[in-house]
């Protein structure tokens, strides 16, 4: 996940992203060690105003050394970032190579 964020950094900066908050929407314990977690990500500008939000589901596993995200399913991230880019007149092709 860190690698993906690192690659997206130029796009996020162009969109005006300065910080990200998150809210856990729910946690469903599937087994003693595995849970399904829904997270709402809130993208903010340098003034703390919300730019957009997105939702994701994570399958997390608890091991001896802590929690590990095994799977991440982005629900609406692409659509929300595309809408923000259009609102700010930013060509996403510049960042995706298209």
PDB file of N, CA and C in Angstrom:
ATOM      1  N   UNK A   1       0.821  -1.187   0.000  1.00  0.00           N
ATOM      2  CA  UNK A   1       0.000   0.000   0.000  1.00  0.00           C
ATOM      3  C   UNK A   1       0.868   1.256   0.000  1.00  0.00           C
ATOM      4  N   UNK A   2       1.950   1.204   0.743  1.00  0.00           N
ATOM      5  CA  UNK A   2       2.840   2.367   0.798  1.00  0.00           C
ATOM      6  C   UNK A   2       3.414   2.670  -0.575  1.00  0.00           C
ATOM      7  N   UNK A   3       3.761   1.622  -1.333  1.00  0.00           N
ATOM      8  CA  UNK A   3       4.312   1.813  -2.677  1.00  0.00           C
ATOM      9  C   UNK A   3       3.286   2.505  -3.586  1.00  0.00           C
ATOM     10  N   UNK A   4       2.034   2.086  -3.504  1.00  0.00           N
ATOM     11  CA  UNK A   4       0.984   2.699  -4.312  1.00  0.00           C
ATOM     12  C   UNK A   4       0.787   4.163  -3.969  1.00  0.00           C
ATOM     13  N   UNK A   5       0.812   4.487  -2.681  1.00  0.00           N
ATOM     14  CA  UNK A   5       0.679   5.884  -2.269  1.00  0.00           C
ATOM     15  C   UNK A   5       1.856   6.712  -2.747  1.00  0.00           C
ATOM     16  N   UNK A   6       3.033   6.114  -2.680  1.00  0.00           N
ATOM     17  CA  UNK A   6       4.243   6.824  -3.129  1.00  0.00           C
ATOM     18  C   UNK A   6       4.144   7.160  -4.616  1.00  0.00           C
ATOM     19  N   UNK A   7       3.659   6.215  -5.424  1.00  0.00           N
ATOM     20  CA  UNK A   7       3.515   6.447  -6.863  1.00  0.00           C
ATOM     21  C   UNK A   7       2.440   7.484  -7.166  1.00  0.00           C
ATOM     22  N   UNK A   8       1.418   7.564  -6.317  1.00  0.00           N
ATOM     23  CA  UNK A   8       0.311   8.493  -6.529  1.00  0.00           C
ATOM     24  C   UNK A   8       0.586   9.886  -5.978  1.00  0.00           C
ATOM     25  N   UNK A   9       1.698  10.057  -5.290  1.00  0.00           N
ATOM     26  CA  UNK A   9       1.997  11.321  -4.622  1.00  0.00           C
ATOM     27  C   UNK A   9       1.909  12.536  -5.553  1.00  0.00           C
ATOM     28  N   UNK A  10       2.506  12.515  -6.762  1.00  0.00           N
ATOM     29  CA  UNK A  10       2.397  13.695  -7.641  1.00  0.00           C
ATOM     30  C   UNK A  10       0.945  14.048  -7.990  1.00  0.00           C
ATOM     31  N   UNK A  11       0.111  13.034  -8.228  1.00  0.00           N
ATOM     32  CA  UNK A  11      -1.293  13.285  -8.527  1.00  0.00           C
ATOM     33  C   UNK A  11      -1.994  13.885  -7.315  1.00  0.00           C
ATOM     34  N   UNK A  12      -1.792  13.311  -6.157  1.00  0.00           N
ATOM     35  CA  UNK A  12      -2.442  13.822  -4.948  1.00  0.00           C
ATOM     36  C   UNK A  12      -2.034  15.267  -4.672  1.00  0.00           C
ATOM     37  N   UNK A  13      -0.786  15.593  -4.888  1.00  0.00           N
ATOM     38  CA  UNK A  13      -0.331  16.976  -4.677  1.00  0.00           C
ATOM     39  C   UNK A  13      -1.000  17.914  -5.679  1.00  0.00           C
ATOM     40  N   UNK A  14      -1.105  17.485  -6.932  1.00  0.00           N
ATOM     41  CA  UNK A  14      -1.754  18.315  -7.951  1.00  0.00           C
ATOM     42  C   UNK A  14      -3.234  18.547  -7.621  1.00  0.00           C
ATOM     43  N   UNK A  15      -3.875  17.559  -7.000  1.00  0.00           N
ATOM     44  CA  UNK A  15      -5.275  17.685  -6.615  1.00  0.00           C
ATOM     45  C   UNK A  15      -5.456  18.547  -5.363  1.00  0.00           C
ATOM     46  N   UNK A  16      -4.346  18.885  -4.709  1.00  0.00           N
ATOM     47  CA  UNK A  16      -4.418  19.728  -3.514  1.00  0.00           C
ATOM     48  C   UNK A  16      -4.492  18.963  -2.221  1.00  0.00           C
ATOM     49  N   UNK A  17      -4.244  17.660  -2.274  1.00  0.00           N
ATOM     50  CA  UNK A  17      -4.309  16.829  -1.080  1.00  0.00           C
ATOM     51  C   UNK A  17      -3.163  17.159  -0.131  1.00  0.00           C
ATOM     52  N   UNK A  18      -3.517  17.457   1.110  1.00  0.00           N
ATOM     53  CA  UNK A  18      -2.494  17.750   2.115  1.00  0.00           C
ATOM     54  C   UNK A  18      -2.516  16.740   3.251  1.00  0.00           C
ATOM     55  N   UNK A  19      -3.680  16.135   3.507  1.00  0.00           N
ATOM     56  CA  UNK A  19      -3.768  15.141   4.582  1.00  0.00           C
ATOM     57  C   UNK A  19      -4.930  14.191   4.316  1.00  0.00           C
ATOM     58  N   UNK A  20      -4.895  13.076   5.007  1.00  0.00           N
ATOM     59  CA  UNK A  20      -5.941  12.069   4.872  1.00  0.00           C
ATOM     60  C   UNK A  20      -6.351  11.624   6.269  1.00  0.00           C
ATOM     61  N   UNK A  21      -7.649  11.601   6.499  1.00  0.00           N
ATOM     62  CA  UNK A  21      -8.203  11.047   7.735  1.00  0.00           C
ATOM     63  C   UNK A  21      -8.938   9.773   7.371  1.00  0.00           C
ATOM     64  N   UNK A  22      -9.251   8.992   8.386  1.00  0.00           N
ATOM     65  CA  UNK A  22     -10.041   7.791   8.125  1.00  0.00           C
ATOM     66  C   UNK A  22     -11.011   7.552   9.275  1.00  0.00           C
ATOM     67  N   UNK A  23     -12.085   6.866   8.935  1.00  0.00           N
ATOM     68  CA  UNK A  23     -13.072   6.450   9.922  1.00  0.00           C
ATOM     69  C   UNK A  23     -13.368   4.982   9.672  1.00  0.00           C
ATOM     70  N   UNK A  24     -13.317   4.192  10.715  1.00  0.00           N
ATOM     71  CA  UNK A  24     -13.719   2.799  10.601  1.00  0.00           C
ATOM     72  C   UNK A  24     -15.242   2.751  10.589  1.00  0.00           C
ATOM     73  N   UNK A  25     -15.822   2.228   9.521  1.00  0.00           N
ATOM     74  CA  UNK A  25     -17.273   2.164   9.387  1.00  0.00           C
ATOM     75  C   UNK A  25     -17.849   0.939  10.085  1.00  0.00           C
ATOM     76  N   UNK A  26     -17.149  -0.190   9.961  1.00  0.00           N
ATOM     77  CA  UNK A  26     -17.540  -1.386  10.702  1.00  0.00           C
ATOM     78  C   UNK A  26     -16.409  -2.402  10.680  1.00  0.00           C
ATOM     79  N   UNK A  27     -16.463  -3.306  11.646  1.00  0.00           N
ATOM     80  CA  UNK A  27     -15.528  -4.419  11.723  1.00  0.00           C
ATOM     81  C   UNK A  27     -16.358  -5.681  11.934  1.00  0.00           C
ATOM     82  N   UNK A  28     -16.153  -6.656  11.061  1.00  0.00           N
ATOM     83  CA  UNK A  28     -16.816  -7.948  11.214  1.00  0.00           C
ATOM     84  C   UNK A  28     -15.732  -9.002  11.431  1.00  0.00           C
ATOM     85  N   UNK A  29     -15.763  -9.639  12.580  1.00  0.00           N
ATOM     86  CA  UNK A  29     -14.779 -10.673  12.905  1.00  0.00           C
ATOM     87  C   UNK A  29     -15.223 -11.979  12.244  1.00  0.00           C
ATOM     88  N   UNK A  30     -14.466 -12.403  11.241  1.00  0.00           N
ATOM     89  CA  UNK A  30     -14.794 -13.618  10.500  1.00  0.00           C
ATOM     90  C   UNK A  30     -14.294 -14.860  11.218  1.00  0.00           C
ATOM     91  N   UNK A  31     -13.120 -14.734  11.806  1.00  0.00           N
ATOM     92  CA  UNK A  31     -12.550 -15.784  12.654  1.00  0.00           C
ATOM     93  C   UNK A  31     -11.862 -15.071  13.813  1.00  0.00           C
ATOM     94  N   UNK A  32     -11.207 -15.823  14.651  1.00  0.00           N
ATOM     95  CA  UNK A  32     -10.466 -15.214  15.760  1.00  0.00           C
ATOM     96  C   UNK A  32      -9.327 -14.330  15.254  1.00  0.00           C
ATOM     97  N   UNK A  33      -8.780 -14.665  14.091  1.00  0.00           N
ATOM     98  CA  UNK A  33      -7.617 -13.941  13.575  1.00  0.00           C
ATOM     99  C   UNK A  33      -7.917 -13.067  12.356  1.00  0.00           C
ATOM    100  N   UNK A  34      -9.049 -13.278  11.689  1.00  0.00           N
ATOM    101  CA  UNK A  34      -9.336 -12.577  10.435  1.00  0.00           C
ATOM    102  C   UNK A  34     -10.604 -11.731  10.574  1.00  0.00           C
ATOM    103  N   UNK A  35     -10.501 -10.479  10.099  1.00  0.00           N
ATOM    104  CA  UNK A  35     -11.640  -9.562  10.166  1.00  0.00           C
ATOM    105  C   UNK A  35     -11.815  -8.848   8.837  1.00  0.00           C
ATOM    106  N   UNK A  36     -13.055  -8.433   8.582  1.00  0.00           N
ATOM    107  CA  UNK A  36     -13.387  -7.587   7.449  1.00  0.00           C
ATOM    108  C   UNK A  36     -13.659  -6.199   8.006  1.00  0.00           C
ATOM    109  N   UNK A  37     -12.969  -5.191   7.459  1.00  0.00           N
ATOM    110  CA  UNK A  37     -13.074  -3.832   7.971  1.00  0.00           C
ATOM    111  C   UNK A  37     -13.447  -2.900   6.821  1.00  0.00           C
ATOM    112  N   UNK A  38     -14.440  -2.055   7.045  1.00  0.00           N
ATOM    113  CA  UNK A  38     -14.777  -1.021   6.063  1.00  0.00           C
ATOM    114  C   UNK A  38     -14.244   0.299   6.592  1.00  0.00           C
ATOM    115  N   UNK A  39     -13.502   1.012   5.728  1.00  0.00           N
ATOM    116  CA  UNK A  39     -12.890   2.278   6.109  1.00  0.00           C
ATOM    117  C   UNK A  39     -13.341   3.370   5.148  1.00  0.00           C
ATOM    118  N   UNK A  40     -13.698   4.501   5.702  1.00  0.00           N
ATOM    119  CA  UNK A  40     -13.996   5.701   4.911  1.00  0.00           C
ATOM    120  C   UNK A  40     -12.769   6.593   4.989  1.00  0.00           C
ATOM    121  N   UNK A  41     -12.179   6.880   3.835  1.00  0.00           N
ATOM    122  CA  UNK A  41     -11.004   7.754   3.755  1.00  0.00           C
ATOM    123  C   UNK A  41     -11.468   9.155   3.406  1.00  0.00           C
ATOM    124  N   UNK A  42     -10.966  10.152   4.123  1.00  0.00           N
ATOM    125  CA  UNK A  42     -11.361  11.545   3.915  1.00  0.00           C
ATOM    126  C   UNK A  42     -10.114  12.320   3.494  1.00  0.00           C
ATOM    127  N   UNK A  43     -10.118  12.847   2.283  1.00  0.00           N
ATOM    128  CA  UNK A  43      -8.991  13.573   1.720  1.00  0.00           C
ATOM    129  C   UNK A  43      -9.201  15.067   1.975  1.00  0.00           C
ATOM    130  N   UNK A  44      -8.195  15.728   2.563  1.00  0.00           N
ATOM    131  CA  UNK A  44      -8.319  17.134   2.952  1.00  0.00           C
ATOM    132  C   UNK A  44      -7.240  17.997   2.293  1.00  0.00           C
ATOM    133  N   UNK A  45      -7.582  19.282   2.108  1.00  0.00           N
ATOM    134  CA  UNK A  45      -6.610  20.229   1.566  1.00  0.00           C
ATOM    135  C   UNK A  45      -5.781  20.821   2.700  1.00  0.00           C
ATOM    136  N   UNK A  46      -4.916  21.760   2.381  1.00  0.00           N
ATOM    137  CA  UNK A  46      -3.994  22.316   3.379  1.00  0.00           C
ATOM    138  C   UNK A  46      -4.705  23.105   4.475  1.00  0.00           C
ATOM    139  N   UNK A  47      -5.974  23.468   4.240  1.00  0.00           N
ATOM    140  CA  UNK A  47      -6.755  24.192   5.243  1.00  0.00           C
ATOM    141  C   UNK A  47      -7.592  23.248   6.098  1.00  0.00           C
ATOM    142  N   UNK A  48      -7.514  21.959   5.778  1.00  0.00           N
ATOM    143  CA  UNK A  48      -8.302  20.974   6.511  1.00  0.00           C
ATOM    144  C   UNK A  48      -9.695  20.752   5.953  1.00  0.00           C
ATOM    145  N   UNK A  49     -10.000  21.426   4.841  1.00  0.00           N
ATOM    146  CA  UNK A  49     -11.306  21.247   4.215  1.00  0.00           C
ATOM    147  C   UNK A  49     -11.333  19.941   3.420  1.00  0.00           C
ATOM    148  N   UNK A  50     -12.473  19.277   3.429  1.00  0.00           N
ATOM    149  CA  UNK A  50     -12.608  18.014   2.723  1.00  0.00           C
ATOM    150  C   UNK A  50     -12.639  18.235   1.220  1.00  0.00           C
ATOM    151  N   UNK A  51     -11.754  17.521   0.505  1.00  0.00           N
ATOM    152  CA  UNK A  51     -11.736  17.555  -0.960  1.00  0.00           C
ATOM    153  C   UNK A  51     -12.662  16.495  -1.527  1.00  0.00           C
ATOM    154  N   UNK A  52     -12.545  15.289  -0.996  1.00  0.00           N
ATOM    155  CA  UNK A  52     -13.369  14.162  -1.425  1.00  0.00           C
ATOM    156  C   UNK A  52     -13.236  13.075  -0.375  1.00  0.00           C
ATOM    157  N   UNK A  53     -13.887  11.978  -0.592  1.00  0.00           N
ATOM    158  CA  UNK A  53     -13.801  10.827   0.301  1.00  0.00           C
ATOM    159  C   UNK A  53     -13.883   9.576  -0.548  1.00  0.00           C
ATOM    160  N   UNK A  54     -13.509   8.454   0.017  1.00  0.00           N
ATOM    161  CA  UNK A  54     -13.687   7.177  -0.672  1.00  0.00           C
ATOM    162  C   UNK A  54     -13.834   6.085   0.378  1.00  0.00           C
ATOM    163  N   UNK A  55     -14.311   4.946  -0.063  1.00  0.00           N
ATOM    164  CA  UNK A  55     -14.550   3.816   0.825  1.00  0.00           C
ATOM    165  C   UNK A  55     -13.741   2.626   0.360  1.00  0.00           C
ATOM    166  N   UNK A  56     -13.293   1.840   1.330  1.00  0.00           N
ATOM    167  CA  UNK A  56     -12.523   0.640   1.019  1.00  0.00           C
ATOM    168  C   UNK A  56     -12.827  -0.438   2.051  1.00  0.00           C
ATOM    169  N   UNK A  57     -12.714  -1.671   1.611  1.00  0.00           N
ATOM    170  CA  UNK A  57     -12.845  -2.829   2.500  1.00  0.00           C
ATOM    171  C   UNK A  57     -11.476  -3.479   2.610  1.00  0.00           C
ATOM    172  N   UNK A  58     -11.143  -3.916   3.805  1.00  0.00           N
ATOM    173  CA  UNK A  58      -9.880  -4.586   4.060  1.00  0.00           C
ATOM    174  C   UNK A  58     -10.137  -5.915   4.750  1.00  0.00           C
ATOM    175  N   UNK A  59      -9.429  -6.938   4.304  1.00  0.00           N
ATOM    176  CA  UNK A  59      -9.375  -8.185   5.041  1.00  0.00           C
ATOM    177  C   UNK A  59      -8.070  -8.120   5.815  1.00  0.00           C
ATOM    178  N   UNK A  60      -8.175  -8.140   7.140  1.00  0.00           N
ATOM    179  CA  UNK A  60      -6.986  -8.034   7.980  1.00  0.00           C
ATOM    180  C   UNK A  60      -6.821  -9.305   8.799  1.00  0.00           C
ATOM    181  N   UNK A  61      -5.572  -9.619   9.059  1.00  0.00           N
ATOM    182  CA  UNK A  61      -5.233 -10.822   9.815  1.00  0.00           C
ATOM    183  C   UNK A  61      -4.349 -10.424  10.991  1.00  0.00           C
ATOM    184  N   UNK A  62      -4.670 -10.939  12.151  1.00  0.00           N
ATOM    185  CA  UNK A  62      -3.852 -10.699  13.335  1.00  0.00           C
ATOM    186  C   UNK A  62      -2.870 -11.859  13.491  1.00  0.00           C
ATOM    187  N   UNK A  63      -1.579 -11.527  13.450  1.00  0.00           N
ATOM    188  CA  UNK A  63      -0.509 -12.502  13.679  1.00  0.00           C
ATOM    189  C   UNK A  63       0.190 -12.158  14.983  1.00  0.00           C
ATOM    190  N   UNK A  64       1.230 -12.909  15.308  1.00  0.00           N
ATOM    191  CA  UNK A  64       1.996 -12.647  16.535  1.00  0.00           C
ATOM    192  C   UNK A  64       2.561 -11.238  16.573  1.00  0.00           C
ATOM    193  N   UNK A  65       2.871 -10.675  15.395  1.00  0.00           N
ATOM    194  CA  UNK A  65       3.486  -9.347  15.353  1.00  0.00           C
ATOM    195  C   UNK A  65       2.492  -8.237  14.998  1.00  0.00           C
ATOM    196  N   UNK A  66       1.188  -8.490  15.100  1.00  0.00           N
ATOM    197  CA  UNK A  66       0.200  -7.439  14.889  1.00  0.00           C
ATOM    198  C   UNK A  66      -0.732  -7.697  13.727  1.00  0.00           C
ATOM    199  N   UNK A  67      -1.439  -6.640  13.338  1.00  0.00           N
ATOM    200  CA  UNK A  67      -2.399  -6.728  12.239  1.00  0.00           C
ATOM    201  C   UNK A  67      -1.719  -6.531  10.890  1.00  0.00           C
ATOM    202  N   UNK A  68      -2.201  -7.262   9.899  1.00  0.00           N
ATOM    203  CA  UNK A  68      -1.687  -7.150   8.529  1.00  0.00           C
ATOM    204  C   UNK A  68      -2.866  -7.090   7.571  1.00  0.00           C
ATOM    205  N   UNK A  69      -2.868  -6.116   6.683  1.00  0.00           N
ATOM    206  CA  UNK A  69      -3.890  -6.042   5.640  1.00  0.00           C
ATOM    207  C   UNK A  69      -3.521  -7.046   4.555  1.00  0.00           C
ATOM    208  N   UNK A  70      -4.395  -7.986   4.310  1.00  0.00           N
ATOM    209  CA  UNK A  70      -4.147  -9.023   3.302  1.00  0.00           C
ATOM    210  C   UNK A  70      -4.747  -8.647   1.950  1.00  0.00           C
ATOM    211  N   UNK A  71      -5.907  -8.004   1.990  1.00  0.00           N
ATOM    212  CA  UNK A  71      -6.622  -7.628   0.776  1.00  0.00           C
ATOM    213  C   UNK A  71      -7.220  -6.245   0.983  1.00  0.00           C
ATOM    214  N   UNK A  72      -7.158  -5.414  -0.054  1.00  0.00           N
ATOM    215  CA  UNK A  72      -7.812  -4.103  -0.036  1.00  0.00           C
ATOM    216  C   UNK A  72      -8.698  -4.011  -1.273  1.00  0.00           C
ATOM    217  N   UNK A  73      -9.970  -3.691  -1.060  1.00  0.00           N
ATOM    218  CA  UNK A  73     -10.905  -3.519  -2.166  1.00  0.00           C
ATOM    219  C   UNK A  73     -11.383  -2.072  -2.134  1.00  0.00           C
ATOM    220  N   UNK A  74     -10.911  -1.290  -3.105  1.00  0.00           N
ATOM    221  CA  UNK A  74     -11.338   0.104  -3.225  1.00  0.00           C
ATOM    222  C   UNK A  74     -12.705   0.111  -3.894  1.00  0.00           C
ATOM    223  N   UNK A  75     -13.672   0.755  -3.278  1.00  0.00           N
ATOM    224  CA  UNK A  75     -15.030   0.741  -3.804  1.00  0.00           C
ATOM    225  C   UNK A  75     -15.256   1.860  -4.812  1.00  0.00           C
ATOM    226  N   UNK A  76     -14.881   3.074  -4.453  1.00  0.00           N
ATOM    227  CA  UNK A  76     -15.206   4.218  -5.297  1.00  0.00           C
ATOM    228  C   UNK A  76     -14.055   5.214  -5.429  1.00  0.00           C
ATOM    229  N   UNK A  77     -12.862   4.791  -5.141  1.00  0.00           N
ATOM    230  CA  UNK A  77     -11.700   5.665  -5.146  1.00  0.00           C
ATOM    231  C   UNK A  77     -11.464   6.296  -6.517  1.00  0.00           C
ATOM    232  N   UNK A  78     -11.476   5.497  -7.559  1.00  0.00           N
ATOM    233  CA  UNK A  78     -11.189   6.014  -8.908  1.00  0.00           C
ATOM    234  C   UNK A  78     -12.220   7.056  -9.326  1.00  0.00           C
ATOM    235  N   UNK A  79     -13.496   6.769  -9.107  1.00  0.00           N
ATOM    236  CA  UNK A  79     -14.551   7.700  -9.499  1.00  0.00           C
ATOM    237  C   UNK A  79     -14.447   9.016  -8.743  1.00  0.00           C
ATOM    238  N   UNK A  80     -14.176   8.936  -7.458  1.00  0.00           N
ATOM    239  CA  UNK A  80     -14.101  10.151  -6.637  1.00  0.00           C
ATOM    240  C   UNK A  80     -12.898  11.007  -7.043  1.00  0.00           C
ATOM    241  N   UNK A  81     -11.757  10.373  -7.304  1.00  0.00           N
ATOM    242  CA  UNK A  81     -10.577  11.138  -7.720  1.00  0.00           C
ATOM    243  C   UNK A  81     -10.758  11.719  -9.122  1.00  0.00           C
ATOM    244  N   UNK A  82     -11.434  10.976 -10.017  1.00  0.00           N
ATOM    245  CA  UNK A  82     -11.722  11.507 -11.351  1.00  0.00           C
ATOM    246  C   UNK A  82     -12.623  12.731 -11.267  1.00  0.00           C
ATOM    247  N   UNK A  83     -13.634  12.679 -10.402  1.00  0.00           N
ATOM    248  CA  UNK A  83     -14.540  13.816 -10.244  1.00  0.00           C
ATOM    249  C   UNK A  83     -13.800  15.028  -9.683  1.00  0.00           C
ATOM    250  N   UNK A  84     -12.911  14.799  -8.715  1.00  0.00           N
ATOM    251  CA  UNK A  84     -12.132  15.896  -8.150  1.00  0.00           C
ATOM    252  C   UNK A  84     -11.206  16.498  -9.210  1.00  0.00           C
ATOM    253  N   UNK A  85     -10.571  15.638 -10.011  1.00  0.00           N
ATOM    254  CA  UNK A  85      -9.680  16.127 -11.067  1.00  0.00           C
ATOM    255  C   UNK A  85     -10.462  16.955 -12.084  1.00  0.00           C
ATOM    256  N   UNK A  86     -11.637  16.488 -12.467  1.00  0.00           N
ATOM    257  CA  UNK A  86     -12.461  17.240 -13.424  1.00  0.00           C
ATOM    258  C   UNK A  86     -12.857  18.590 -12.837  1.00  0.00           C
ATOM    259  N   UNK A  87     -13.227  18.610 -11.568  1.00  0.00           N
ATOM    260  CA  UNK A  87     -13.615  19.852 -10.901  1.00  0.00           C
ATOM    261  C   UNK A  87     -12.462  20.854 -10.865  1.00  0.00           C
ATOM    262  N   UNK A  88     -11.236  20.325 -10.763  1.00  0.00           N
ATOM    263  CA  UNK A  88     -10.056  21.187 -10.689  1.00  0.00           C
ATOM    264  C   UNK A  88      -9.370  21.350 -12.043  1.00  0.00           C
ATOM    265  N   UNK A  89      -9.999  20.822 -13.111  1.00  0.00           N
ATOM    266  CA  UNK A  89      -9.488  20.919 -14.474  1.00  0.00           C
ATOM    267  C   UNK A  89      -8.078  20.327 -14.604  1.00  0.00           C
ATOM    268  N   UNK A  90      -7.890  19.135 -14.037  1.00  0.00           N
ATOM    269  CA  UNK A  90      -6.610  18.428 -14.091  1.00  0.00           C
ATOM    270  C   UNK A  90      -6.737  17.230 -15.011  1.00  0.00           C
ATOM    271  N   UNK A  91      -5.823  17.113 -15.961  1.00  0.00           N
ATOM    272  CA  UNK A  91      -5.811  16.000 -16.904  1.00  0.00           C
ATOM    273  C   UNK A  91      -5.122  14.811 -16.237  1.00  0.00           C
ATOM    274  N   UNK A  92      -5.898  13.765 -15.924  1.00  0.00           N
ATOM    275  CA  UNK A  92      -5.339  12.596 -15.269  1.00  0.00           C
ATOM    276  C   UNK A  92      -4.368  11.836 -16.172  1.00  0.00           C
ATOM    277  N   UNK A  93      -4.506  11.984 -17.486  1.00  0.00           N
ATOM    278  CA  UNK A  93      -3.603  11.321 -18.420  1.00  0.00           C
ATOM    279  C   UNK A  93      -2.149  11.727 -18.202  1.00  0.00           C
ATOM    280  N   UNK A  94      -1.952  12.913 -17.721  1.00  0.00           N
ATOM    281  CA  UNK A  94      -0.614  13.415 -17.417  1.00  0.00           C
ATOM    282  C   UNK A  94       0.070  12.566 -16.336  1.00  0.00           C
ATOM    283  N   UNK A  95      -0.733  11.966 -15.459  1.00  0.00           N
ATOM    284  CA  UNK A  95      -0.204  11.194 -14.343  1.00  0.00           C
ATOM    285  C   UNK A  95      -0.264   9.688 -14.596  1.00  0.00           C
ATOM    286  N   UNK A  96      -1.112   9.266 -15.541  1.00  0.00           N
ATOM    287  CA  UNK A  96      -1.257   7.840 -15.803  1.00  0.00           C
ATOM    288  C   UNK A  96      -0.537   7.403 -17.056  1.00  0.00           C
ATOM    289  N   UNK A  97      -0.011   8.350 -17.828  1.00  0.00           N
ATOM    290  CA  UNK A  97       0.700   8.014 -19.059  1.00  0.00           C
ATOM    291  C   UNK A  97      -0.236   7.770 -20.232  1.00  0.00           C
ATOM    292  N   UNK A  98      -1.508   8.086 -20.083  1.00  0.00           N
ATOM    293  CA  UNK A  98      -2.481   7.873 -21.171  1.00  0.00           C
ATOM    294  C   UNK A  98      -2.572   9.098 -22.048  1.00  0.00           C
TER     295      UNK A  98
END
